Amino acid sequence: MNDEAIGRLAELLREARNAVALTGAGISTESGIPDFRSPQTGLYATIDPMEYLSVDALNSRPEQFWKYFVEVFALPKAEPNAGHLALVRLEEQGYLSAIITQNIDGLHHKAGSQRVFEVHGHLRTVHCTGCGRTWPMEDASGQVQAGELPTCGECGAGVRPDVVLFGDQMPPAFQDAFEAAQSADLVLVVGSSLSVSPANMLAFQRNRLAIVNRDPTVADGAADVVIHGSAGETLTALVEELTGAGT
């Protein structure tokens, strides 16, 4: 653990009038959720996501889409880890005004963060493409596992998950996140390689940038402080530095 870098990061948060966190897959791998974009072990290293997880796949091959979607995103009952809980503490203590996340796992909400912008959507619900009715993802997953194609019980139209698929436009949450990042004077990036566009743009709507990630990122050279390490360990140490107590 780099105590000097932790101290510098704590200083940046103390000085910031309005800081936000931008989180990526690296914060959730410590909860057992895979990083789909890892070059060697990620899911996208072995399959073409445009073939299976795109708007076109949903519209033209809905049976294949849903079978694969449920198989891929039938995530274990993951729990928030020390990194998620530390971000809750930083929000409670007034050091962070918002969490912007690229993740769809919902762990920031589960941990207790209050102001969360999910720029790639979430796995909690699905909605009807006809009438717009929403219901829990578990119901649609149950239909798929029973060999049925999820359809709306009200109007009979097709159903889609409330996540951003390849080929989708960004949801309204992205504009909200963009405005939050624009108004911030510090963006704390946690667990993101900053390689996914347009979400990576959010890291550069600021005066200062701090990065906590296991591996180097494309923005390391532009950051005020960079810590290569575990999100949970680093953020827990940061909370202790700022408040004198762990999570």
C-alpha atoms as a PDB file:
ATOM      1  CA  MET A   1       0.000   0.000   0.000  1.00  0.00           C
ATOM      2  CA  ASN A   2       1.368   3.384  -1.042  1.00  0.00           C
ATOM      3  CA  ASP A   3       0.726   5.547   2.036  1.00  0.00           C
ATOM      4  CA  GLU A   4       2.014   8.672   0.308  1.00  0.00           C
ATOM      5  CA  ALA A   5      -0.422   8.243  -2.586  1.00  0.00           C
ATOM      6  CA  ILE A   6      -3.296   7.541  -0.180  1.00  0.00           C
ATOM      7  CA  GLY A   7      -2.429  10.734   1.661  1.00  0.00           C
ATOM      8  CA  ARG A   8      -2.369  12.700  -1.584  1.00  0.00           C
ATOM      9  CA  LEU A   9      -5.751  11.274  -2.615  1.00  0.00           C
ATOM     10  CA  ALA A  10      -7.211  12.177   0.790  1.00  0.00           C
ATOM     11  CA  GLU A  11      -5.866  15.704   0.349  1.00  0.00           C
ATOM     12  CA  LEU A  12      -7.541  16.016  -3.059  1.00  0.00           C
ATOM     13  CA  LEU A  13     -10.890  14.950  -1.585  1.00  0.00           C
ATOM     14  CA  ARG A  14     -10.553  17.378   1.302  1.00  0.00           C
ATOM     15  CA  GLU A  15      -9.827  20.207  -1.119  1.00  0.00           C
ATOM     16  CA  ALA A  16     -12.598  19.330  -3.565  1.00  0.00           C
ATOM     17  CA  ARG A  17     -15.847  21.258  -3.341  1.00  0.00           C
ATOM     18  CA  ASN A  18     -17.714  18.697  -5.467  1.00  0.00           C
ATOM     19  CA  ALA A  19     -16.186  15.279  -6.152  1.00  0.00           C
ATOM     20  CA  VAL A  20     -17.772  12.322  -7.951  1.00  0.00           C
ATOM     21  CA  ALA A  21     -16.646   8.717  -8.357  1.00  0.00           C
ATOM     22  CA  LEU A  22     -16.658   6.887 -11.698  1.00  0.00           C
ATOM     23  CA  THR A  23     -16.591   3.118 -11.233  1.00  0.00           C
ATOM     24  CA  GLY A  24     -16.005   0.241 -13.623  1.00  0.00           C
ATOM     25  CA  ALA A  25     -15.825  -3.539 -13.579  1.00  0.00           C
ATOM     26  CA  GLY A  26     -12.689  -3.569 -11.426  1.00  0.00           C
ATOM     27  CA  ILE A  27     -14.615  -2.634  -8.299  1.00  0.00           C
ATOM     28  CA  SER A  28     -17.005  -5.568  -8.736  1.00  0.00           C
ATOM     29  CA  THR A  29     -14.488  -8.296  -9.531  1.00  0.00           C
ATOM     30  CA  GLU A  30     -13.770  -8.333  -5.807  1.00  0.00           C
ATOM     31  CA  SER A  31     -17.395  -9.431  -5.340  1.00  0.00           C
ATOM     32  CA  GLY A  32     -16.889 -12.360  -7.720  1.00  0.00           C
ATOM     33  CA  ILE A  33     -18.371 -10.723 -10.813  1.00  0.00           C
ATOM     34  CA  PRO A  34     -16.244 -11.301 -13.928  1.00  0.00           C
ATOM     35  CA  ASP A  35     -14.702  -8.507 -15.957  1.00  0.00           C
ATOM     36  CA  PHE A  36     -16.102  -9.151 -19.406  1.00  0.00           C
ATOM     37  CA  ARG A  37     -13.439  -7.113 -21.200  1.00  0.00           C
ATOM     38  CA  SER A  38     -10.240  -8.655 -19.829  1.00  0.00           C
ATOM     39  CA  PRO A  39      -8.030  -9.536 -22.837  1.00  0.00           C
ATOM     40  CA  GLN A  40      -7.335 -13.125 -21.748  1.00  0.00           C
ATOM     41  CA  THR A  41     -10.139 -14.147 -19.376  1.00  0.00           C
ATOM     42  CA  GLY A  42     -13.018 -11.816 -20.218  1.00  0.00           C
ATOM     43  CA  LEU A  43     -16.152 -13.093 -21.931  1.00  0.00           C
ATOM     44  CA  TYR A  44     -15.652 -10.772 -24.887  1.00  0.00           C
ATOM     45  CA  ALA A  45     -12.289 -12.380 -25.594  1.00  0.00           C
ATOM     46  CA  THR A  46     -14.085 -15.563 -26.663  1.00  0.00           C
ATOM     47  CA  ILE A  47     -17.335 -14.346 -28.250  1.00  0.00           C
ATOM     48  CA  ASP A  48     -18.461 -11.476 -30.469  1.00  0.00           C
ATOM     49  CA  PRO A  49     -20.832  -9.406 -28.304  1.00  0.00           C
ATOM     50  CA  MET A  50     -22.423  -7.886 -31.410  1.00  0.00           C
ATOM     51  CA  GLU A  51     -23.537 -11.376 -32.367  1.00  0.00           C
ATOM     52  CA  TYR A  52     -25.167 -12.152 -29.025  1.00  0.00           C
ATOM     53  CA  LEU A  53     -25.724  -8.997 -26.957  1.00  0.00           C
ATOM     54  CA  SER A  54     -26.764  -6.320 -29.448  1.00  0.00           C
ATOM     55  CA  VAL A  55     -30.031  -4.645 -30.384  1.00  0.00           C
ATOM     56  CA  ASP A  56     -29.856  -6.426 -33.718  1.00  0.00           C
ATOM     57  CA  ALA A  57     -29.483  -9.805 -31.993  1.00  0.00           C
ATOM     58  CA  LEU A  58     -32.510  -9.070 -29.797  1.00  0.00           C
ATOM     59  CA  ASN A  59     -34.659  -7.973 -32.747  1.00  0.00           C
ATOM     60  CA  SER A  60     -33.624 -10.609 -35.272  1.00  0.00           C
ATOM     61  CA  ARG A  61     -32.814 -13.595 -33.053  1.00  0.00           C
ATOM     62  CA  PRO A  62     -34.757 -13.050 -29.792  1.00  0.00           C
ATOM     63  CA  GLU A  63     -34.672 -16.703 -28.716  1.00  0.00           C
ATOM     64  CA  GLN A  64     -30.894 -16.856 -29.078  1.00  0.00           C
ATOM     65  CA  PHE A  65     -30.480 -13.438 -27.442  1.00  0.00           C
ATOM     66  CA  TRP A  66     -32.510 -14.296 -24.355  1.00  0.00           C
ATOM     67  CA  LYS A  67     -31.001 -17.743 -23.921  1.00  0.00           C
ATOM     68  CA  TYR A  68     -27.510 -16.273 -24.029  1.00  0.00           C
ATOM     69  CA  PHE A  69     -28.359 -13.174 -21.980  1.00  0.00           C
ATOM     70  CA  VAL A  70     -29.778 -15.193 -19.094  1.00  0.00           C
ATOM     71  CA  GLU A  71     -26.844 -17.617 -19.246  1.00  0.00           C
ATOM     72  CA  VAL A  72     -24.273 -14.815 -19.171  1.00  0.00           C
ATOM     73  CA  PHE A  73     -25.950 -12.513 -16.661  1.00  0.00           C
ATOM     74  CA  ALA A  74     -27.310 -15.121 -14.273  1.00  0.00           C
ATOM     75  CA  LEU A  75     -24.785 -13.661 -11.870  1.00  0.00           C
ATOM     76  CA  PRO A  76     -24.129 -15.227  -8.492  1.00  0.00           C
ATOM     77  CA  LYS A  77     -25.835 -13.547  -5.570  1.00  0.00           C
ATOM     78  CA  ALA A  78     -22.978 -11.101  -5.286  1.00  0.00           C
ATOM     79  CA  GLU A  79     -22.656  -8.830  -2.278  1.00  0.00           C
ATOM     80  CA  PRO A  80     -21.033  -5.398  -2.073  1.00  0.00           C
ATOM     81  CA  ASN A  81     -17.376  -5.552  -1.138  1.00  0.00           C
ATOM     82  CA  ALA A  82     -15.128  -3.240   0.863  1.00  0.00           C
ATOM     83  CA  GLY A  83     -14.755  -0.897  -2.111  1.00  0.00           C
ATOM     84  CA  HIS A  84     -18.499  -0.358  -2.477  1.00  0.00           C
ATOM     85  CA  LEU A  85     -18.886   0.143   1.274  1.00  0.00           C
ATOM     86  CA  ALA A  86     -16.022   2.630   1.392  1.00  0.00           C
ATOM     87  CA  LEU A  87     -17.701   4.723  -1.320  1.00  0.00           C
ATOM     88  CA  VAL A  88     -20.871   4.739   0.803  1.00  0.00           C
ATOM     89  CA  ARG A  89     -18.831   6.120   3.709  1.00  0.00           C
ATOM     90  CA  LEU A  90     -17.260   8.788   1.501  1.00  0.00           C
ATOM     91  CA  GLU A  91     -20.712   9.857   0.328  1.00  0.00           C
ATOM     92  CA  GLU A  92     -22.064   9.897   3.879  1.00  0.00           C
ATOM     93  CA  GLN A  93     -19.114  11.992   5.061  1.00  0.00           C
ATOM     94  CA  GLY A  94     -19.692  14.515   2.243  1.00  0.00           C
ATOM     95  CA  TYR A  95     -16.539  13.737   0.271  1.00  0.00           C
ATOM     96  CA  LEU A  96     -18.495  12.447  -2.766  1.00  0.00           C
ATOM     97  CA  SER A  97     -21.649  13.948  -4.238  1.00  0.00           C
ATOM     98  CA  ALA A  98     -22.447  11.076  -6.620  1.00  0.00           C
ATOM     99  CA  ILE A  99     -21.421   7.671  -7.930  1.00  0.00           C
ATOM    100  CA  ILE A 100     -21.350   7.217 -11.704  1.00  0.00           C
ATOM    101  CA  THR A 101     -21.038   3.562 -12.632  1.00  0.00           C
ATOM    102  CA  GLN A 102     -20.481   1.630 -15.829  1.00  0.00           C
ATOM    103  CA  ASN A 103     -21.580  -1.544 -14.019  1.00  0.00           C
ATOM    104  CA  ILE A 104     -25.023  -3.118 -14.336  1.00  0.00           C
ATOM    105  CA  ASP A 105     -24.792  -5.292 -11.207  1.00  0.00           C
ATOM    106  CA  GLY A 106     -26.597  -2.887  -8.853  1.00  0.00           C
ATOM    107  CA  LEU A 107     -24.044  -3.320  -6.065  1.00  0.00           C
ATOM    108  CA  HIS A 108     -23.728   0.407  -5.360  1.00  0.00           C
ATOM    109  CA  HIS A 109     -27.463   0.549  -4.613  1.00  0.00           C
ATOM    110  CA  LYS A 110     -27.221  -2.633  -2.556  1.00  0.00           C
ATOM    111  CA  ALA A 111     -24.327  -1.178  -0.561  1.00  0.00           C
ATOM    112  CA  GLY A 112     -26.360   1.908   0.304  1.00  0.00           C
ATOM    113  CA  SER A 113     -25.077   4.644  -2.018  1.00  0.00           C
ATOM    114  CA  GLN A 114     -27.795   7.272  -2.411  1.00  0.00           C
ATOM    115  CA  ARG A 115     -27.014   9.131  -5.639  1.00  0.00           C
ATOM    116  CA  VAL A 116     -26.038   6.614  -8.316  1.00  0.00           C
ATOM    117  CA  PHE A 117     -26.068   7.127 -12.087  1.00  0.00           C
ATOM    118  CA  GLU A 118     -26.070   3.746 -13.888  1.00  0.00           C
ATOM    119  CA  VAL A 119     -24.939   4.811 -17.354  1.00  0.00           C
ATOM    120  CA  HIS A 120     -25.178   1.296 -18.821  1.00  0.00           C
ATOM    121  CA  GLY A 121     -28.477   0.429 -17.151  1.00  0.00           C
ATOM    122  CA  HIS A 122     -29.094  -2.365 -14.649  1.00  0.00           C
ATOM    123  CA  LEU A 123     -30.266  -5.950 -14.273  1.00  0.00           C
ATOM    124  CA  ARG A 124     -33.166  -5.287 -11.897  1.00  0.00           C
ATOM    125  CA  THR A 125     -35.955  -4.991 -14.461  1.00  0.00           C
ATOM    126  CA  VAL A 126     -37.094  -5.597 -18.032  1.00  0.00           C
ATOM    127  CA  HIS A 127     -39.650  -3.620 -20.004  1.00  0.00           C
ATOM    128  CA  CYS A 128     -42.152  -4.139 -22.812  1.00  0.00           C
ATOM    129  CA  THR A 129     -41.109  -2.610 -26.127  1.00  0.00           C
ATOM    130  CA  GLY A 130     -44.783  -1.984 -26.914  1.00  0.00           C
ATOM    131  CA  CYS A 131     -46.585  -0.547 -23.894  1.00  0.00           C
ATOM    132  CA  GLY A 132     -43.536   0.184 -21.751  1.00  0.00           C
ATOM    133  CA  ARG A 133     -44.664  -1.836 -18.729  1.00  0.00           C
ATOM    134  CA  THR A 134     -41.792  -2.957 -16.478  1.00  0.00           C
ATOM    135  CA  TRP A 135     -41.380  -5.974 -14.210  1.00  0.00           C
ATOM    136  CA  PRO A 136     -38.550  -7.807 -12.429  1.00  0.00           C
ATOM    137  CA  MET A 137     -35.751  -9.413 -14.408  1.00  0.00           C
ATOM    138  CA  GLU A 138     -36.284 -12.609 -12.396  1.00  0.00           C
ATOM    139  CA  ASP A 139     -39.684 -13.099 -14.054  1.00  0.00           C
ATOM    140  CA  ALA A 140     -38.233 -12.857 -17.555  1.00  0.00           C
ATOM    141  CA  SER A 141     -35.321 -15.115 -16.613  1.00  0.00           C
ATOM    142  CA  GLY A 142     -37.797 -17.667 -15.280  1.00  0.00           C
ATOM    143  CA  GLN A 143     -39.648 -17.676 -18.594  1.00  0.00           C
ATOM    144  CA  VAL A 144     -36.410 -18.270 -20.491  1.00  0.00           C
ATOM    145  CA  GLN A 145     -35.378 -21.081 -18.169  1.00  0.00           C
ATOM    146  CA  ALA A 146     -38.807 -22.648 -18.770  1.00  0.00           C
ATOM    147  CA  GLY A 147     -38.159 -22.581 -22.519  1.00  0.00           C
ATOM    148  CA  GLU A 148     -40.403 -19.593 -23.226  1.00  0.00           C
ATOM    149  CA  LEU A 149     -39.654 -16.321 -25.005  1.00  0.00           C
ATOM    150  CA  PRO A 150     -40.363 -13.384 -22.669  1.00  0.00           C
ATOM    151  CA  THR A 151     -43.347 -11.385 -23.908  1.00  0.00           C
ATOM    152  CA  CYS A 152     -45.608  -8.782 -22.350  1.00  0.00           C
ATOM    153  CA  GLY A 153     -48.659 -10.249 -20.639  1.00  0.00           C
ATOM    154  CA  GLU A 154     -50.617  -7.061 -21.354  1.00  0.00           C
ATOM    155  CA  CYS A 155     -50.043  -6.361 -25.043  1.00  0.00           C
ATOM    156  CA  GLY A 156     -48.064  -9.381 -26.272  1.00  0.00           C
ATOM    157  CA  ALA A 157     -45.113  -7.314 -27.529  1.00  0.00           C
ATOM    158  CA  GLY A 158     -41.487  -8.270 -27.102  1.00  0.00           C
ATOM    159  CA  VAL A 159     -39.467  -7.637 -23.959  1.00  0.00           C
ATOM    160  CA  ARG A 160     -35.975  -6.280 -23.442  1.00  0.00           C
ATOM    161  CA  PRO A 161     -33.669  -5.907 -20.429  1.00  0.00           C
ATOM    162  CA  ASP A 162     -33.070  -2.466 -18.953  1.00  0.00           C
ATOM    163  CA  VAL A 163     -29.398  -2.497 -19.895  1.00  0.00           C
ATOM    164  CA  VAL A 164     -27.574  -0.709 -22.685  1.00  0.00           C
ATOM    165  CA  LEU A 165     -27.038  -3.210 -25.497  1.00  0.00           C
ATOM    166  CA  PHE A 166     -24.558  -2.852 -28.325  1.00  0.00           C
ATOM    167  CA  GLY A 167     -26.237  -0.555 -30.844  1.00  0.00           C
ATOM    168  CA  ASP A 168     -28.328   1.268 -28.229  1.00  0.00           C
ATOM    169  CA  GLN A 169     -28.258   4.968 -27.557  1.00  0.00           C
ATOM    170  CA  MET A 170     -27.124   5.964 -24.096  1.00  0.00           C
ATOM    171  CA  PRO A 171     -29.963   6.279 -21.545  1.00  0.00           C
ATOM    172  CA  PRO A 172     -31.094   9.495 -19.810  1.00  0.00           C
ATOM    173  CA  ALA A 173     -28.869   8.535 -16.860  1.00  0.00           C
ATOM    174  CA  PHE A 174     -25.863   9.251 -19.057  1.00  0.00           C
ATOM    175  CA  GLN A 175     -26.865  12.900 -19.508  1.00  0.00           C
ATOM    176  CA  ASP A 176     -27.430  13.196 -15.763  1.00  0.00           C
ATOM    177  CA  ALA A 177     -23.994  11.658 -15.169  1.00  0.00           C
ATOM    178  CA  PHE A 178     -22.404  13.980 -17.722  1.00  0.00           C
ATOM    179  CA  GLU A 179     -23.836  17.018 -15.950  1.00  0.00           C
ATOM    180  CA  ALA A 180     -22.658  15.686 -12.583  1.00  0.00           C
ATOM    181  CA  ALA A 181     -19.152  15.120 -13.930  1.00  0.00           C
ATOM    182  CA  GLN A 182     -19.084  18.525 -15.614  1.00  0.00           C
ATOM    183  CA  SER A 183     -19.935  20.275 -12.364  1.00  0.00           C
ATOM    184  CA  ALA A 184     -17.351  18.306 -10.365  1.00  0.00           C
ATOM    185  CA  ASP A 185     -13.892  19.622  -9.600  1.00  0.00           C
ATOM    186  CA  LEU A 186     -12.557  16.101  -8.949  1.00  0.00           C
ATOM    187  CA  VAL A 187     -13.380  12.757 -10.570  1.00  0.00           C
ATOM    188  CA  LEU A 188     -12.234   9.660  -8.681  1.00  0.00           C
ATOM    189  CA  VAL A 189     -11.999   6.732 -11.112  1.00  0.00           C
ATOM    190  CA  VAL A 190     -12.220   3.306  -9.451  1.00  0.00           C
ATOM    191  CA  GLY A 191     -11.768   0.005 -11.267  1.00  0.00           C
ATOM    192  CA  SER A 192     -12.026   1.273 -14.819  1.00  0.00           C
ATOM    193  CA  SER A 193      -9.517   1.069 -17.643  1.00  0.00           C
ATOM    194  CA  LEU A 194     -11.273   4.099 -19.204  1.00  0.00           C
ATOM    195  CA  SER A 195     -11.335   2.267 -22.531  1.00  0.00           C
ATOM    196  CA  VAL A 196     -15.123   2.138 -23.035  1.00  0.00           C
ATOM    197  CA  SER A 197     -16.672   5.045 -24.905  1.00  0.00           C
ATOM    198  CA  PRO A 198     -18.615   7.245 -24.308  1.00  0.00           C
ATOM    199  CA  ALA A 199     -18.512   6.528 -20.546  1.00  0.00           C
ATOM    200  CA  ASN A 200     -14.771   7.241 -20.463  1.00  0.00           C
ATOM    201  CA  MET A 201     -15.525  10.834 -21.493  1.00  0.00           C
ATOM    202  CA  LEU A 202     -16.903  11.410 -18.011  1.00  0.00           C
ATOM    203  CA  ALA A 203     -13.428  11.196 -16.511  1.00  0.00           C
ATOM    204  CA  PHE A 204     -12.333  14.310 -18.348  1.00  0.00           C
ATOM    205  CA  GLN A 205     -15.150  16.726 -17.457  1.00  0.00           C
ATOM    206  CA  ARG A 206     -13.180  18.024 -14.491  1.00  0.00           C
ATOM    207  CA  ASN A 207     -10.282  20.043 -13.090  1.00  0.00           C
ATOM    208  CA  ARG A 208      -8.611  17.143 -11.261  1.00  0.00           C
ATOM    209  CA  LEU A 209      -8.498  13.394 -11.809  1.00  0.00           C
ATOM    210  CA  ALA A 210      -7.590  10.542  -9.456  1.00  0.00           C
ATOM    211  CA  ILE A 211      -7.366   6.888 -10.513  1.00  0.00           C
ATOM    212  CA  VAL A 212      -7.528   3.683  -8.478  1.00  0.00           C
ATOM    213  CA  ASN A 213      -7.146   0.631 -10.732  1.00  0.00           C
ATOM    214  CA  ARG A 214      -5.167  -2.593 -10.666  1.00  0.00           C
ATOM    215  CA  ASP A 215      -3.681  -1.988 -14.112  1.00  0.00           C
ATOM    216  CA  PRO A 216      -2.470   1.136 -15.919  1.00  0.00           C
ATOM    217  CA  THR A 217      -5.119   3.153 -17.768  1.00  0.00           C
ATOM    218  CA  VAL A 218      -4.996   5.397 -20.812  1.00  0.00           C
ATOM    219  CA  ALA A 219      -5.446   8.408 -18.518  1.00  0.00           C
ATOM    220  CA  ASP A 220      -2.714   7.722 -15.951  1.00  0.00           C
ATOM    221  CA  GLY A 221      -0.510  10.439 -17.418  1.00  0.00           C
ATOM    222  CA  ALA A 222      -3.251  13.042 -16.999  1.00  0.00           C
ATOM    223  CA  ALA A 223      -4.140  12.144 -13.399  1.00  0.00           C
ATOM    224  CA  ASP A 224      -3.131  14.049 -10.268  1.00  0.00           C
ATOM    225  CA  VAL A 225      -2.707  10.780  -8.383  1.00  0.00           C
ATOM    226  CA  VAL A 226      -2.668   7.148  -9.586  1.00  0.00           C
ATOM    227  CA  ILE A 227      -2.844   4.076  -7.333  1.00  0.00           C
ATOM    228  CA  HIS A 228      -2.437   0.650  -8.910  1.00  0.00           C
ATOM    229  CA  GLY A 229      -4.044  -1.783  -6.498  1.00  0.00           C
ATOM    230  CA  SER A 230      -7.185  -3.353  -5.078  1.00  0.00           C
ATOM    231  CA  ALA A 231     -10.200  -1.058  -4.980  1.00  0.00           C
ATOM    232  CA  GLY A 232     -11.372  -2.494  -1.661  1.00  0.00           C
ATOM    233  CA  GLU A 233      -8.026  -2.222   0.086  1.00  0.00           C
ATOM    234  CA  THR A 234      -7.232   1.209  -1.317  1.00  0.00           C
ATOM    235  CA  LEU A 235     -10.605   2.799  -0.615  1.00  0.00           C
ATOM    236  CA  THR A 236     -10.733   1.335   2.889  1.00  0.00           C
ATOM    237  CA  ALA A 237      -7.346   2.906   3.593  1.00  0.00           C
ATOM    238  CA  LEU A 238      -8.611   6.169   2.113  1.00  0.00           C
ATOM    239  CA  VAL A 239     -11.620   6.203   4.460  1.00  0.00           C
ATOM    240  CA  GLU A 240      -9.336   5.545   7.411  1.00  0.00           C
ATOM    241  CA  GLU A 241      -7.065   8.402   6.321  1.00  0.00           C
ATOM    242  CA  LEU A 242     -10.014  10.792   6.015  1.00  0.00           C
ATOM    243  CA  THR A 243     -12.137   9.781   8.977  1.00  0.00           C
ATOM    244  CA  GLY A 244      -9.935   7.767  11.278  1.00  0.00           C
ATOM    245  CA  ALA A 245     -12.256   4.736  11.056  1.00  0.00           C
ATOM    246  CA  GLY A 246     -12.653   1.807   8.671  1.00  0.00           C
ATOM    247  CA  THR A 247     -15.795   0.763   6.838  1.00  0.00           C
END
